[in-house]
């Protein structure tokens, strides 16, 4: 908890804000976990937001997907978002890709046929 508070103060100072000028954002994770609140600076880079959420929820930062107001946030480090008090941030963790020895690379032709069938069936709707 202490690291989280220090991190929030650092984030606020980096954004040029005092810690008192943060906003409260509700984190809603995909899955059975309960929503939690986090205080963040109102103007924050997507990279810092992702890092803060990963730290707060103890999630892998490199596979974290964030959705704010219906928009998936990009991976760019220099992109900034403006947060409002009471915003909800959807948080999802992308699954790990299967291990290389579990992938079935020699069966690529079936995938193409399945995709073509899906396209044909969607055109008939």
Protein backbone atom coordinates (compact mmCIF):
# COMPACT_ATOMS: atom_id res chain seq x y z
CA UNK A 1 0.00 0.00 0.00
CA UNK A 2 2.85 2.40 0.79
CA UNK A 3 4.38 1.87 -2.67
CA UNK A 4 1.01 2.65 -4.25
CA UNK A 5 0.67 5.93 -2.34
CA UNK A 6 4.23 6.94 -3.21
CA UNK A 7 3.57 6.02 -6.84
CA UNK A 8 0.41 8.16 -6.91
CA UNK A 9 2.31 11.14 -5.47
CA UNK A 10 5.08 10.65 -8.02
CA UNK A 11 2.54 10.45 -10.85
CA UNK A 12 0.83 13.62 -9.65
CA UNK A 13 4.12 15.49 -9.35
CA UNK A 14 5.21 14.31 -12.81
CA UNK A 15 2.00 15.70 -14.27
CA UNK A 16 2.65 19.03 -12.57
CA UNK A 17 -0.22 18.55 -10.15
CA UNK A 18 -0.30 18.44 -6.40
CA UNK A 19 -1.49 15.12 -4.95
CA UNK A 20 -4.76 16.81 -3.91
CA UNK A 21 -5.67 17.49 -7.56
CA UNK A 22 -6.08 13.87 -8.55
CA UNK A 23 -9.25 12.26 -9.84
CA UNK A 24 -10.83 9.02 -8.70
CA UNK A 25 -11.19 6.40 -11.43
CA UNK A 26 -13.06 3.11 -11.03
CA UNK A 27 -11.16 0.09 -12.35
CA UNK A 28 -13.47 -2.60 -13.68
CA UNK A 29 -11.66 -5.81 -14.52
CA UNK A 30 -12.95 -8.35 -17.00
CA UNK A 31 -13.79 -11.41 -14.93
CA UNK A 32 -15.07 -12.11 -11.45
CA UNK A 33 -13.07 -9.51 -9.49
CA UNK A 34 -14.78 -6.55 -7.85
CA UNK A 35 -14.29 -2.98 -9.10
CA UNK A 36 -11.74 -0.89 -7.22
CA UNK A 37 -10.94 2.82 -7.18
CA UNK A 38 -7.59 4.45 -7.90
CA UNK A 39 -6.55 8.09 -7.66
CA UNK A 40 -4.63 9.43 -10.65
CA UNK A 41 -3.62 12.78 -12.10
CA UNK A 42 -6.25 14.16 -14.51
CA UNK A 43 -3.74 14.32 -17.37
CA UNK A 44 -1.62 11.18 -17.70
CA UNK A 45 0.25 9.34 -20.43
CA UNK A 46 -1.20 6.00 -21.48
CA UNK A 47 2.09 4.32 -20.53
CA UNK A 48 1.94 5.79 -17.00
CA UNK A 49 -1.74 4.88 -16.71
CA UNK A 50 -1.01 1.29 -17.77
CA UNK A 51 1.90 1.14 -15.30
CA UNK A 52 -0.25 2.53 -12.46
CA UNK A 53 -3.08 0.08 -13.12
CA UNK A 54 -0.66 -2.85 -13.38
CA UNK A 55 0.95 -1.88 -10.09
CA UNK A 56 -2.39 -1.29 -8.32
CA UNK A 57 -4.00 -4.55 -9.52
CA UNK A 58 -0.79 -6.61 -9.63
CA UNK A 59 -1.26 -7.41 -13.31
CA UNK A 60 1.28 -7.94 -16.10
CA UNK A 61 1.79 -4.53 -17.69
CA UNK A 62 2.89 -5.94 -21.06
CA UNK A 63 -0.43 -7.75 -21.63
CA UNK A 64 -2.77 -5.13 -20.16
CA UNK A 65 -5.59 -3.77 -22.31
CA UNK A 66 -7.35 -0.59 -21.15
CA UNK A 67 -10.68 0.79 -22.37
CA UNK A 68 -11.75 4.30 -21.43
CA UNK A 69 -15.16 5.66 -22.49
CA UNK A 70 -15.52 2.92 -25.13
CA UNK A 71 -12.10 3.46 -26.69
CA UNK A 72 -9.21 1.02 -26.39
CA UNK A 73 -6.18 3.01 -25.32
CA UNK A 74 -3.14 2.79 -27.63
CA UNK A 75 0.28 1.48 -26.68
CA UNK A 76 2.10 4.73 -27.53
CA UNK A 77 4.18 6.13 -24.69
CA UNK A 78 3.58 9.77 -25.66
CA UNK A 79 -0.21 9.58 -25.95
CA UNK A 80 -2.00 11.33 -23.08
CA UNK A 81 -5.56 10.98 -21.81
CA UNK A 82 -7.65 13.34 -19.73
CA UNK A 83 -9.33 11.56 -16.85
CA UNK A 84 -12.43 12.87 -15.12
CA UNK A 85 -13.49 12.19 -11.58
CA UNK A 86 -15.77 9.13 -11.66
CA UNK A 87 -14.48 7.70 -14.96
CA UNK A 88 -14.62 3.92 -15.34
CA UNK A 89 -11.64 2.17 -16.86
CA UNK A 90 -12.15 -1.36 -18.20
CA UNK A 91 -9.11 -3.54 -17.55
CA UNK A 92 -8.39 -6.82 -19.33
CA UNK A 93 -5.34 -9.03 -19.46
CA UNK A 94 -4.62 -10.55 -22.86
CA UNK A 95 -3.89 -14.27 -22.61
CA UNK A 96 -0.37 -15.54 -23.13
CA UNK A 97 0.22 -17.01 -26.58
CA UNK A 98 0.50 -20.81 -26.54
CA UNK A 99 3.94 -22.28 -26.08
CA UNK A 100 5.75 -22.85 -29.36
CA UNK A 101 5.71 -26.62 -28.95
CA UNK A 102 1.90 -26.55 -28.59
CA UNK A 103 1.24 -24.62 -31.80
CA UNK A 104 0.13 -26.62 -34.81
CA UNK A 105 2.01 -24.81 -37.59
CA UNK A 106 1.71 -27.51 -40.26
CA UNK A 107 -2.10 -27.29 -40.38
CA UNK A 108 -2.34 -23.81 -41.93
CA UNK A 109 -4.50 -24.88 -44.90
CA UNK A 110 -7.46 -25.76 -42.65
CA UNK A 111 -7.37 -22.30 -41.10
CA UNK A 112 -7.64 -20.67 -44.53
CA UNK A 113 -10.57 -22.92 -45.45
CA UNK A 114 -12.31 -22.17 -42.15
CA UNK A 115 -11.83 -18.44 -42.70
CA UNK A 116 -13.21 -18.67 -46.25
CA UNK A 117 -16.23 -20.61 -44.98
CA UNK A 118 -16.84 -17.96 -42.30
CA UNK A 119 -16.72 -15.20 -44.91
CA UNK A 120 -19.13 -17.11 -47.19
CA UNK A 121 -21.58 -17.80 -44.36
CA UNK A 122 -21.54 -14.17 -43.22
CA UNK A 123 -22.35 -13.00 -46.73
CA UNK A 124 -25.41 -15.25 -46.84
CA UNK A 125 -26.99 -13.67 -43.75
